[in-house]
Amino acid sequence: EIIEEIKFVYDEDTLINLIPEAKE
């Protein structure tokens, strides 16, 4: 649900940037 909301409200790039592993 949270993944779908982030992609709907923002986009997939934002989702990727918010994933903790990607930030590390």
mmCIF file of all heavy atoms, coordinates in Angstrom:
data_MODEL
# 
_entry.id   MODEL 
# 
loop_
_atom_site.group_PDB 
_atom_site.id 
_atom_site.type_symbol 
_atom_site.label_atom_id 
_atom_site.label_alt_id 
_atom_site.label_comp_id 
_atom_site.label_asym_id 
_atom_site.label_entity_id 
_atom_site.label_seq_id 
_atom_site.pdbx_PDB_ins_code 
_atom_site.Cartn_x 
_atom_site.Cartn_y 
_atom_site.Cartn_z 
_atom_site.occupancy 
_atom_site.B_iso_or_equiv 
_atom_site.pdbx_formal_charge 
_atom_site.auth_seq_id 
_atom_site.auth_comp_id 
_atom_site.auth_asym_id 
_atom_site.auth_atom_id 
_atom_site.pdbx_PDB_model_num 
ATOM 1   N N   . GLU A 1 1  ? 0.819  -1.213 0.000   1.00 0.00 ? 1  GLU A N   1 
ATOM 2   C CA  . GLU A 1 1  ? 0.000  0.000  0.000   1.00 0.00 ? 1  GLU A CA  1 
ATOM 3   C C   . GLU A 1 1  ? 0.855  1.266  0.000   1.00 0.00 ? 1  GLU A C   1 
ATOM 4   O O   . GLU A 1 1  ? 0.576  2.206  -0.751  1.00 0.00 ? 1  GLU A O   1 
ATOM 5   C CB  . GLU A 1 1  ? -0.938 0.012  1.209   1.00 0.00 ? 1  GLU A CB  1 
ATOM 6   C CG  . GLU A 1 1  ? -2.044 -1.013 1.125   1.00 0.00 ? 1  GLU A CG  1 
ATOM 7   C CD  . GLU A 1 1  ? -2.817 -1.160 2.430   1.00 0.00 ? 1  GLU A CD  1 
ATOM 8   O OE1 . GLU A 1 1  ? -2.233 -0.978 3.524   1.00 0.00 ? 1  GLU A OE1 1 
ATOM 9   O OE2 . GLU A 1 1  ? -4.021 -1.465 2.334   1.00 0.00 ? 1  GLU A OE2 1 
ATOM 10  N N   . ILE A 1 2  ? 1.902  1.296  0.804   1.00 0.00 ? 2  ILE A N   1 
ATOM 11  C CA  . ILE A 1 2  ? 2.738  2.490  0.865   1.00 0.00 ? 2  ILE A CA  1 
ATOM 12  C C   . ILE A 1 2  ? 3.513  2.664  -0.436  1.00 0.00 ? 2  ILE A C   1 
ATOM 13  O O   . ILE A 1 2  ? 3.664  3.785  -0.938  1.00 0.00 ? 2  ILE A O   1 
ATOM 14  C CB  . ILE A 1 2  ? 3.668  2.510  2.104   1.00 0.00 ? 2  ILE A CB  1 
ATOM 15  C CG1 . ILE A 1 2  ? 4.324  3.881  2.291   1.00 0.00 ? 2  ILE A CG1 1 
ATOM 16  C CG2 . ILE A 1 2  ? 4.737  1.463  2.038   1.00 0.00 ? 2  ILE A CG2 1 
ATOM 17  C CD1 . ILE A 1 2  ? 3.410  4.956  2.744   1.00 0.00 ? 2  ILE A CD1 1 
ATOM 18  N N   . ILE A 1 3  ? 3.978  1.567  -1.017  1.00 0.00 ? 3  ILE A N   1 
ATOM 19  C CA  . ILE A 1 3  ? 4.682  1.644  -2.295  1.00 0.00 ? 3  ILE A CA  1 
ATOM 20  C C   . ILE A 1 3  ? 3.768  2.208  -3.371  1.00 0.00 ? 3  ILE A C   1 
ATOM 21  O O   . ILE A 1 3  ? 4.157  3.101  -4.134  1.00 0.00 ? 3  ILE A O   1 
ATOM 22  C CB  . ILE A 1 3  ? 5.241  0.258  -2.689  1.00 0.00 ? 3  ILE A CB  1 
ATOM 23  C CG1 . ILE A 1 3  ? 6.455  -0.064 -1.808  1.00 0.00 ? 3  ILE A CG1 1 
ATOM 24  C CG2 . ILE A 1 3  ? 5.597  0.196  -4.171  1.00 0.00 ? 3  ILE A CG2 1 
ATOM 25  C CD1 . ILE A 1 3  ? 6.965  -1.485 -1.945  1.00 0.00 ? 3  ILE A CD1 1 
ATOM 26  N N   . GLU A 1 4  ? 2.546  1.706  -3.448  1.00 0.00 ? 4  GLU A N   1 
ATOM 27  C CA  . GLU A 1 4  ? 1.605  2.191  -4.452  1.00 0.00 ? 4  GLU A CA  1 
ATOM 28  C C   . GLU A 1 4  ? 1.268  3.674  -4.236  1.00 0.00 ? 4  GLU A C   1 
ATOM 29  O O   . GLU A 1 4  ? 1.157  4.429  -5.195  1.00 0.00 ? 4  GLU A O   1 
ATOM 30  C CB  . GLU A 1 4  ? 0.329  1.344  -4.464  1.00 0.00 ? 4  GLU A CB  1 
ATOM 31  C CG  . GLU A 1 4  ? 0.528  -0.015 -5.072  1.00 0.00 ? 4  GLU A CG  1 
ATOM 32  C CD  . GLU A 1 4  ? 1.141  0.039  -6.467  1.00 0.00 ? 4  GLU A CD  1 
ATOM 33  O OE1 . GLU A 1 4  ? 0.649  0.806  -7.325  1.00 0.00 ? 4  GLU A OE1 1 
ATOM 34  O OE2 . GLU A 1 4  ? 2.134  -0.682 -6.700  1.00 0.00 ? 4  GLU A OE2 1 
ATOM 35  N N   . GLU A 1 5  ? 1.114  4.077  -2.986  1.00 0.00 ? 5  GLU A N   1 
ATOM 36  C CA  . GLU A 1 5  ? 0.808  5.485  -2.721  1.00 0.00 ? 5  GLU A CA  1 
ATOM 37  C C   . GLU A 1 5  ? 1.950  6.390  -3.155  1.00 0.00 ? 5  GLU A C   1 
ATOM 38  O O   . GLU A 1 5  ? 1.727  7.428  -3.775  1.00 0.00 ? 5  GLU A O   1 
ATOM 39  C CB  . GLU A 1 5  ? 0.483  5.726  -1.253  1.00 0.00 ? 5  GLU A CB  1 
ATOM 40  C CG  . GLU A 1 5  ? 0.270  7.202  -0.998  1.00 0.00 ? 5  GLU A CG  1 
ATOM 41  C CD  . GLU A 1 5  ? -0.480 7.529  0.249   1.00 0.00 ? 5  GLU A CD  1 
ATOM 42  O OE1 . GLU A 1 5  ? -1.348 6.743  0.672   1.00 0.00 ? 5  GLU A OE1 1 
ATOM 43  O OE2 . GLU A 1 5  ? -0.205 8.596  0.792   1.00 0.00 ? 5  GLU A OE2 1 
ATOM 44  N N   . ILE A 1 6  ? 3.176  6.015  -2.816  1.00 0.00 ? 6  ILE A N   1 
ATOM 45  C CA  . ILE A 1 6  ? 4.328  6.837  -3.199  1.00 0.00 ? 6  ILE A CA  1 
ATOM 46  C C   . ILE A 1 6  ? 4.406  6.957  -4.720  1.00 0.00 ? 6  ILE A C   1 
ATOM 47  O O   . ILE A 1 6  ? 4.601  8.050  -5.257  1.00 0.00 ? 6  ILE A O   1 
ATOM 48  C CB  . ILE A 1 6  ? 5.635  6.265  -2.617  1.00 0.00 ? 6  ILE A CB  1 
ATOM 49  C CG1 . ILE A 1 6  ? 5.629  6.384  -1.089  1.00 0.00 ? 6  ILE A CG1 1 
ATOM 50  C CG2 . ILE A 1 6  ? 6.854  6.989  -3.206  1.00 0.00 ? 6  ILE A CG2 1 
ATOM 51  C CD1 . ILE A 1 6  ? 6.723  5.588  -0.393  1.00 0.00 ? 6  ILE A CD1 1 
ATOM 52  N N   . LYS A 1 7  ? 4.236  5.840  -5.422  1.00 0.00 ? 7  LYS A N   1 
ATOM 53  C CA  . LYS A 1 7  ? 4.278  5.880  -6.890  1.00 0.00 ? 7  LYS A CA  1 
ATOM 54  C C   . LYS A 1 7  ? 3.128  6.702  -7.458  1.00 0.00 ? 7  LYS A C   1 
ATOM 55  O O   . LYS A 1 7  ? 3.308  7.407  -8.448  1.00 0.00 ? 7  LYS A O   1 
ATOM 56  C CB  . LYS A 1 7  ? 4.277  4.462  -7.461  1.00 0.00 ? 7  LYS A CB  1 
ATOM 57  C CG  . LYS A 1 7  ? 5.592  3.753  -7.185  1.00 0.00 ? 7  LYS A CG  1 
ATOM 58  C CD  . LYS A 1 7  ? 5.786  2.377  -7.794  1.00 0.00 ? 7  LYS A CD  1 
ATOM 59  C CE  . LYS A 1 7  ? 4.636  1.589  -8.225  1.00 0.00 ? 7  LYS A CE  1 
ATOM 60  N NZ  . LYS A 1 7  ? 4.966  0.213  -8.644  1.00 0.00 ? 7  LYS A NZ  1 
ATOM 61  N N   . PHE A 1 8  ? 1.954  6.640  -6.843  1.00 0.00 ? 8  PHE A N   1 
ATOM 62  C CA  . PHE A 1 8  ? 0.792  7.385  -7.335  1.00 0.00 ? 8  PHE A CA  1 
ATOM 63  C C   . PHE A 1 8  ? 0.950  8.887  -7.080  1.00 0.00 ? 8  PHE A C   1 
ATOM 64  O O   . PHE A 1 8  ? 0.710  9.702  -7.958  1.00 0.00 ? 8  PHE A O   1 
ATOM 65  C CB  . PHE A 1 8  ? -0.485 6.871  -6.658  1.00 0.00 ? 8  PHE A CB  1 
ATOM 66  C CG  . PHE A 1 8  ? -1.715 7.625  -7.064  1.00 0.00 ? 8  PHE A CG  1 
ATOM 67  C CD1 . PHE A 1 8  ? -2.304 7.406  -8.298  1.00 0.00 ? 8  PHE A CD1 1 
ATOM 68  C CD2 . PHE A 1 8  ? -2.286 8.550  -6.210  1.00 0.00 ? 8  PHE A CD2 1 
ATOM 69  C CE1 . PHE A 1 8  ? -3.435 8.116  -8.687  1.00 0.00 ? 8  PHE A CE1 1 
ATOM 70  C CE2 . PHE A 1 8  ? -3.416 9.262  -6.580  1.00 0.00 ? 8  PHE A CE2 1 
ATOM 71  C CZ  . PHE A 1 8  ? -3.998 9.043  -7.824  1.00 0.00 ? 8  PHE A CZ  1 
ATOM 72  N N   . VAL A 1 9  ? 1.365  9.250  -5.868  1.00 0.00 ? 9  VAL A N   1 
ATOM 73  C CA  . VAL A 1 9  ? 1.465  10.663 -5.500  1.00 0.00 ? 9  VAL A CA  1 
ATOM 74  C C   . VAL A 1 9  ? 2.706  11.305 -6.127  1.00 0.00 ? 9  VAL A C   1 
ATOM 75  O O   . VAL A 1 9  ? 2.657  12.454 -6.557  1.00 0.00 ? 9  VAL A O   1 
ATOM 76  C CB  . VAL A 1 9  ? 1.483  10.833 -3.968  1.00 0.00 ? 9  VAL A CB  1 
ATOM 77  C CG1 . VAL A 1 9  ? 1.747  12.264 -3.560  1.00 0.00 ? 9  VAL A CG1 1 
ATOM 78  C CG2 . VAL A 1 9  ? 0.167  10.334 -3.361  1.00 0.00 ? 9  VAL A CG2 1 
ATOM 79  N N   . TYR A 1 10 ? 3.809  10.566 -6.179  1.00 0.00 ? 10 TYR A N   1 
ATOM 80  C CA  . TYR A 1 10 ? 5.054  11.102 -6.728  1.00 0.00 ? 10 TYR A CA  1 
ATOM 81  C C   . TYR A 1 10 ? 5.404  10.333 -7.998  1.00 0.00 ? 10 TYR A C   1 
ATOM 82  O O   . TYR A 1 10 ? 4.794  10.544 -9.020  1.00 0.00 ? 10 TYR A O   1 
ATOM 83  C CB  . TYR A 1 10 ? 6.171  11.045 -5.674  1.00 0.00 ? 10 TYR A CB  1 
ATOM 84  C CG  . TYR A 1 10 ? 5.859  11.949 -4.492  1.00 0.00 ? 10 TYR A CG  1 
ATOM 85  C CD1 . TYR A 1 10 ? 5.307  11.437 -3.323  1.00 0.00 ? 10 TYR A CD1 1 
ATOM 86  C CD2 . TYR A 1 10 ? 6.088  13.318 -4.568  1.00 0.00 ? 10 TYR A CD2 1 
ATOM 87  C CE1 . TYR A 1 10 ? 5.001  12.270 -2.253  1.00 0.00 ? 10 TYR A CE1 1 
ATOM 88  C CE2 . TYR A 1 10 ? 5.785  14.159 -3.507  1.00 0.00 ? 10 TYR A CE2 1 
ATOM 89  C CZ  . TYR A 1 10 ? 5.243  13.622 -2.352  1.00 0.00 ? 10 TYR A CZ  1 
ATOM 90  O OH  . TYR A 1 10 ? 4.926  14.448 -1.300  1.00 0.00 ? 10 TYR A OH  1 
ATOM 91  N N   . ASP A 1 11 ? 6.364  9.461  -7.930  1.00 0.00 ? 11 ASP A N   1 
ATOM 92  C CA  . ASP A 1 11 ? 6.736  8.625  -9.066  1.00 0.00 ? 11 ASP A CA  1 
ATOM 93  C C   . ASP A 1 11 ? 7.674  7.520  -8.583  1.00 0.00 ? 11 ASP A C   1 
ATOM 94  O O   . ASP A 1 11 ? 8.038  7.471  -7.415  1.00 0.00 ? 11 ASP A O   1 
ATOM 95  C CB  . ASP A 1 11 ? 7.385  9.438  -10.189 1.00 0.00 ? 11 ASP A CB  1 
ATOM 96  C CG  . ASP A 1 11 ? 8.592  10.244 -9.722  1.00 0.00 ? 11 ASP A CG  1 
ATOM 97  O OD1 . ASP A 1 11 ? 9.293  9.808  -8.786  1.00 0.00 ? 11 ASP A OD1 1 
ATOM 98  O OD2 . ASP A 1 11 ? 8.833  11.320 -10.291 1.00 0.00 ? 11 ASP A OD2 1 
ATOM 99  N N   . GLU A 1 12 ? 8.062  6.645  -9.515  1.00 0.00 ? 12 GLU A N   1 
ATOM 100 C CA  . GLU A 1 12 ? 8.909  5.518  -9.127  1.00 0.00 ? 12 GLU A CA  1 
ATOM 101 C C   . GLU A 1 12 ? 10.312 5.966  -8.717  1.00 0.00 ? 12 GLU A C   1 
ATOM 102 O O   . GLU A 1 12 ? 10.923 5.363  -7.831  1.00 0.00 ? 12 GLU A O   1 
ATOM 103 C CB  . GLU A 1 12 ? 8.992  4.491  -10.260 1.00 0.00 ? 12 GLU A CB  1 
ATOM 104 C CG  . GLU A 1 12 ? 9.623  3.208  -9.800  1.00 0.00 ? 12 GLU A CG  1 
ATOM 105 C CD  . GLU A 1 12 ? 9.109  1.989  -10.536 1.00 0.00 ? 12 GLU A CD  1 
ATOM 106 O OE1 . GLU A 1 12 ? 8.123  2.090  -11.283 1.00 0.00 ? 12 GLU A OE1 1 
ATOM 107 O OE2 . GLU A 1 12 ? 9.707  0.931  -10.336 1.00 0.00 ? 12 GLU A OE2 1 
ATOM 108 N N   . ASP A 1 13 ? 10.823 7.022  -9.328  1.00 0.00 ? 13 ASP A N   1 
ATOM 109 C CA  . ASP A 1 13 ? 12.142 7.535  -8.936  1.00 0.00 ? 13 ASP A CA  1 
ATOM 110 C C   . ASP A 1 13 ? 12.132 7.994  -7.474  1.00 0.00 ? 13 ASP A C   1 
ATOM 111 O O   . ASP A 1 13 ? 13.091 7.749  -6.733  1.00 0.00 ? 13 ASP A O   1 
ATOM 112 C CB  . ASP A 1 13 ? 12.573 8.695  -9.832  1.00 0.00 ? 13 ASP A CB  1 
ATOM 113 C CG  . ASP A 1 13 ? 12.960 8.232  -11.233 1.00 0.00 ? 13 ASP A CG  1 
ATOM 114 O OD1 . ASP A 1 13 ? 13.308 7.046  -11.399 1.00 0.00 ? 13 ASP A OD1 1 
ATOM 115 O OD2 . ASP A 1 13 ? 12.914 9.072  -12.157 1.00 0.00 ? 13 ASP A OD2 1 
ATOM 116 N N   . THR A 1 14 ? 11.064 8.650  -7.067  1.00 0.00 ? 14 THR A N   1 
ATOM 117 C CA  . THR A 1 14 ? 10.946 9.081  -5.671  1.00 0.00 ? 14 THR A CA  1 
ATOM 118 C C   . THR A 1 14 ? 10.913 7.874  -4.759  1.00 0.00 ? 14 THR A C   1 
ATOM 119 O O   . THR A 1 14 ? 11.581 7.851  -3.725  1.00 0.00 ? 14 THR A O   1 
ATOM 120 C CB  . THR A 1 14 ? 9.689  9.947  -5.473  1.00 0.00 ? 14 THR A CB  1 
ATOM 121 O OG1 . THR A 1 14 ? 9.777  11.089 -6.335  1.00 0.00 ? 14 THR A OG1 1 
ATOM 122 C CG2 . THR A 1 14 ? 9.545  10.389 -4.031  1.00 0.00 ? 14 THR A CG2 1 
ATOM 123 N N   . LEU A 1 15 ? 10.146 6.862  -5.148  1.00 0.00 ? 15 LEU A N   1 
ATOM 124 C CA  . LEU A 1 15 ? 10.093 5.625  -4.363  1.00 0.00 ? 15 LEU A CA  1 
ATOM 125 C C   . LEU A 1 15 ? 11.494 5.049  -4.182  1.00 0.00 ? 15 LEU A C   1 
ATOM 126 O O   . LEU A 1 15 ? 11.900 4.736  -3.065  1.00 0.00 ? 15 LEU A O   1 
ATOM 127 C CB  . LEU A 1 15 ? 9.185  4.589  -5.030  1.00 0.00 ? 15 LEU A CB  1 
ATOM 128 C CG  . LEU A 1 15 ? 9.239  3.185  -4.439  1.00 0.00 ? 15 LEU A CG  1 
ATOM 129 C CD1 . LEU A 1 15 ? 8.732  3.177  -3.001  1.00 0.00 ? 15 LEU A CD1 1 
ATOM 130 C CD2 . LEU A 1 15 ? 8.462  2.222  -5.301  1.00 0.00 ? 15 LEU A CD2 1 
ATOM 131 N N   . ILE A 1 16 ? 12.226 4.946  -5.259  1.00 0.00 ? 16 ILE A N   1 
ATOM 132 C CA  . ILE A 1 16 ? 13.572 4.379  -5.199  1.00 0.00 ? 16 ILE A CA  1 
ATOM 133 C C   . ILE A 1 16 ? 14.461 5.202  -4.272  1.00 0.00 ? 16 ILE A C   1 
ATOM 134 O O   . ILE A 1 16 ? 15.214 4.650  -3.468  1.00 0.00 ? 16 ILE A O   1 
ATOM 135 C CB  . ILE A 1 16 ? 14.175 4.270  -6.610  1.00 0.00 ? 16 ILE A CB  1 
ATOM 136 C CG1 . ILE A 1 16 ? 13.421 3.195  -7.390  1.00 0.00 ? 16 ILE A CG1 1 
ATOM 137 C CG2 . ILE A 1 16 ? 15.672 3.969  -6.556  1.00 0.00 ? 16 ILE A CG2 1 
ATOM 138 C CD1 . ILE A 1 16 ? 13.695 3.173  -8.879  1.00 0.00 ? 16 ILE A CD1 1 
ATOM 139 N N   . ASN A 1 17 ? 14.344 6.524  -4.353  1.00 0.00 ? 17 ASN A N   1 
ATOM 140 C CA  . ASN A 1 17 ? 15.148 7.401  -3.497  1.00 0.00 ? 17 ASN A CA  1 
ATOM 141 C C   . ASN A 1 17 ? 14.774 7.293  -2.023  1.00 0.00 ? 17 ASN A C   1 
ATOM 142 O O   . ASN A 1 17 ? 15.603 7.591  -1.155  1.00 0.00 ? 17 ASN A O   1 
ATOM 143 C CB  . ASN A 1 17 ? 15.039 8.848  -3.946  1.00 0.00 ? 17 ASN A CB  1 
ATOM 144 C CG  . ASN A 1 17 ? 15.769 9.095  -5.241  1.00 0.00 ? 17 ASN A CG  1 
ATOM 145 O OD1 . ASN A 1 17 ? 16.755 8.457  -5.546  1.00 0.00 ? 17 ASN A OD1 1 
ATOM 146 N ND2 . ASN A 1 17 ? 15.259 10.026 -6.025  1.00 0.00 ? 17 ASN A ND2 1 
ATOM 147 N N   . LEU A 1 18 ? 13.548 6.882  -1.727  1.00 0.00 ? 18 LEU A N   1 
ATOM 148 C CA  . LEU A 1 18 ? 13.099 6.792  -0.342  1.00 0.00 ? 18 LEU A CA  1 
ATOM 149 C C   . LEU A 1 18 ? 13.376 5.430  0.298   1.00 0.00 ? 18 LEU A C   1 
ATOM 150 O O   . LEU A 1 18 ? 13.340 5.313  1.524   1.00 0.00 ? 18 LEU A O   1 
ATOM 151 C CB  . LEU A 1 18 ? 11.588 7.086  -0.269  1.00 0.00 ? 18 LEU A CB  1 
ATOM 152 C CG  . LEU A 1 18 ? 11.195 8.514  -0.610  1.00 0.00 ? 18 LEU A CG  1 
ATOM 153 C CD1 . LEU A 1 18 ? 9.669  8.628  -0.648  1.00 0.00 ? 18 LEU A CD1 1 
ATOM 154 C CD2 . LEU A 1 18 ? 11.786 9.506  0.374   1.00 0.00 ? 18 LEU A CD2 1 
ATOM 155 N N   . ILE A 1 19 ? 13.678 4.434  -0.511  1.00 0.00 ? 19 ILE A N   1 
ATOM 156 C CA  . ILE A 1 19 ? 13.965 3.098  0.040   1.00 0.00 ? 19 ILE A CA  1 
ATOM 157 C C   . ILE A 1 19 ? 15.287 3.161  0.795   1.00 0.00 ? 19 ILE A C   1 
ATOM 158 O O   . ILE A 1 19 ? 16.296 3.595  0.233   1.00 0.00 ? 19 ILE A O   1 
ATOM 159 C CB  . ILE A 1 19 ? 13.998 2.045  -1.080  1.00 0.00 ? 19 ILE A CB  1 
ATOM 160 C CG1 . ILE A 1 19 ? 12.611 1.931  -1.717  1.00 0.00 ? 19 ILE A CG1 1 
ATOM 161 C CG2 . ILE A 1 19 ? 14.477 0.687  -0.558  1.00 0.00 ? 19 ILE A CG2 1 
ATOM 162 C CD1 . ILE A 1 19 ? 12.558 1.061  -2.954  1.00 0.00 ? 19 ILE A CD1 1 
ATOM 163 N N   . PRO A 1 20 ? 15.288 2.741  2.064   1.00 0.00 ? 20 PRO A N   1 
ATOM 164 C CA  . PRO A 1 20 ? 16.517 2.861  2.877   1.00 0.00 ? 20 PRO A CA  1 
ATOM 165 C C   . PRO A 1 20 ? 17.756 2.248  2.248   1.00 0.00 ? 20 PRO A C   1 
ATOM 166 O O   . PRO A 1 20 ? 18.827 2.829  2.275   1.00 0.00 ? 20 PRO A O   1 
ATOM 167 C CB  . PRO A 1 20 ? 16.151 2.150  4.180   1.00 0.00 ? 20 PRO A CB  1 
ATOM 168 C CG  . PRO A 1 20 ? 14.664 2.252  4.260   1.00 0.00 ? 20 PRO A CG  1 
ATOM 169 C CD  . PRO A 1 20 ? 14.180 2.200  2.839   1.00 0.00 ? 20 PRO A CD  1 
ATOM 170 N N   . GLU A 1 21 ? 17.648 1.074  1.638   1.00 0.00 ? 21 GLU A N   1 
ATOM 171 C CA  . GLU A 1 21 ? 18.814 0.424  1.026   1.00 0.00 ? 21 GLU A CA  1 
ATOM 172 C C   . GLU A 1 21 ? 19.381 1.276  -0.091  1.00 0.00 ? 21 GLU A C   1 
ATOM 173 O O   . GLU A 1 21 ? 20.577 1.367  -0.267  1.00 0.00 ? 21 GLU A O   1 
ATOM 174 C CB  . GLU A 1 21 ? 18.478 -0.977 0.491   1.00 0.00 ? 21 GLU A CB  1 
ATOM 175 C CG  . GLU A 1 21 ? 18.128 -1.978 1.555   1.00 0.00 ? 21 GLU A CG  1 
ATOM 176 C CD  . GLU A 1 21 ? 16.688 -1.870 2.027   1.00 0.00 ? 21 GLU A CD  1 
ATOM 177 O OE1 . GLU A 1 21 ? 15.812 -1.409 1.286   1.00 0.00 ? 21 GLU A OE1 1 
ATOM 178 O OE2 . GLU A 1 21 ? 16.433 -2.233 3.194   1.00 0.00 ? 21 GLU A OE2 1 
ATOM 179 N N   . ALA A 1 22 ? 18.516 1.915  -0.871  1.00 0.00 ? 22 ALA A N   1 
ATOM 180 C CA  . ALA A 1 22 ? 18.974 2.754  -1.972  1.00 0.00 ? 22 ALA A CA  1 
ATOM 181 C C   . ALA A 1 22 ? 19.723 3.977  -1.436  1.00 0.00 ? 22 ALA A C   1 
ATOM 182 O O   . ALA A 1 22 ? 20.718 4.399  -2.007  1.00 0.00 ? 22 ALA A O   1 
ATOM 183 C CB  . ALA A 1 22 ? 17.792 3.194  -2.841  1.00 0.00 ? 22 ALA A CB  1 
ATOM 184 N N   . LYS A 1 23 ? 19.268 4.544  -0.327  1.00 0.00 ? 23 LYS A N   1 
ATOM 185 C CA  . LYS A 1 23 ? 19.948 5.694  0.268   1.00 0.00 ? 23 LYS A CA  1 
ATOM 186 C C   . LYS A 1 23 ? 21.331 5.294  0.760   1.00 0.00 ? 23 LYS A C   1 
ATOM 187 O O   . LYS A 1 23 ? 22.274 6.065  0.648   1.00 0.00 ? 23 LYS A O   1 
ATOM 188 C CB  . LYS A 1 23 ? 19.120 6.272  1.411   1.00 0.00 ? 23 LYS A CB  1 
ATOM 189 C CG  . LYS A 1 23 ? 17.880 6.972  0.942   1.00 0.00 ? 23 LYS A CG  1 
ATOM 190 C CD  . LYS A 1 23 ? 17.218 7.665  2.094   1.00 0.00 ? 23 LYS A CD  1 
ATOM 191 C CE  . LYS A 1 23 ? 16.834 9.016  1.595   1.00 0.00 ? 23 LYS A CE  1 
ATOM 192 N NZ  . LYS A 1 23 ? 16.498 9.961  2.587   1.00 0.00 ? 23 LYS A NZ  1 
ATOM 193 N N   . GLU A 1 24 ? 21.468 4.100  1.338   1.00 0.00 ? 24 GLU A N   1 
ATOM 194 C CA  . GLU A 1 24 ? 22.768 3.648  1.834   1.00 0.00 ? 24 GLU A CA  1 
ATOM 195 C C   . GLU A 1 24 ? 23.748 3.479  0.686   1.00 0.00 ? 24 GLU A C   1 
ATOM 196 O O   . GLU A 1 24 ? 24.932 3.743  0.829   1.00 0.00 ? 24 GLU A O   1 
ATOM 197 C CB  . GLU A 1 24 ? 22.607 2.334  2.596   1.00 0.00 ? 24 GLU A CB  1 
ATOM 198 C CG  . GLU A 1 24 ? 21.896 2.484  3.924   1.00 0.00 ? 24 GLU A CG  1 
ATOM 199 C CD  . GLU A 1 24 ? 21.613 1.160  4.607   1.00 0.00 ? 24 GLU A CD  1 
ATOM 200 O OE1 . GLU A 1 24 ? 22.152 0.126  4.154   1.00 0.00 ? 24 GLU A OE1 1 
ATOM 201 O OE2 . GLU A 1 24 ? 20.847 1.163  5.569   1.00 0.00 ? 24 GLU A OE2 1 
# 
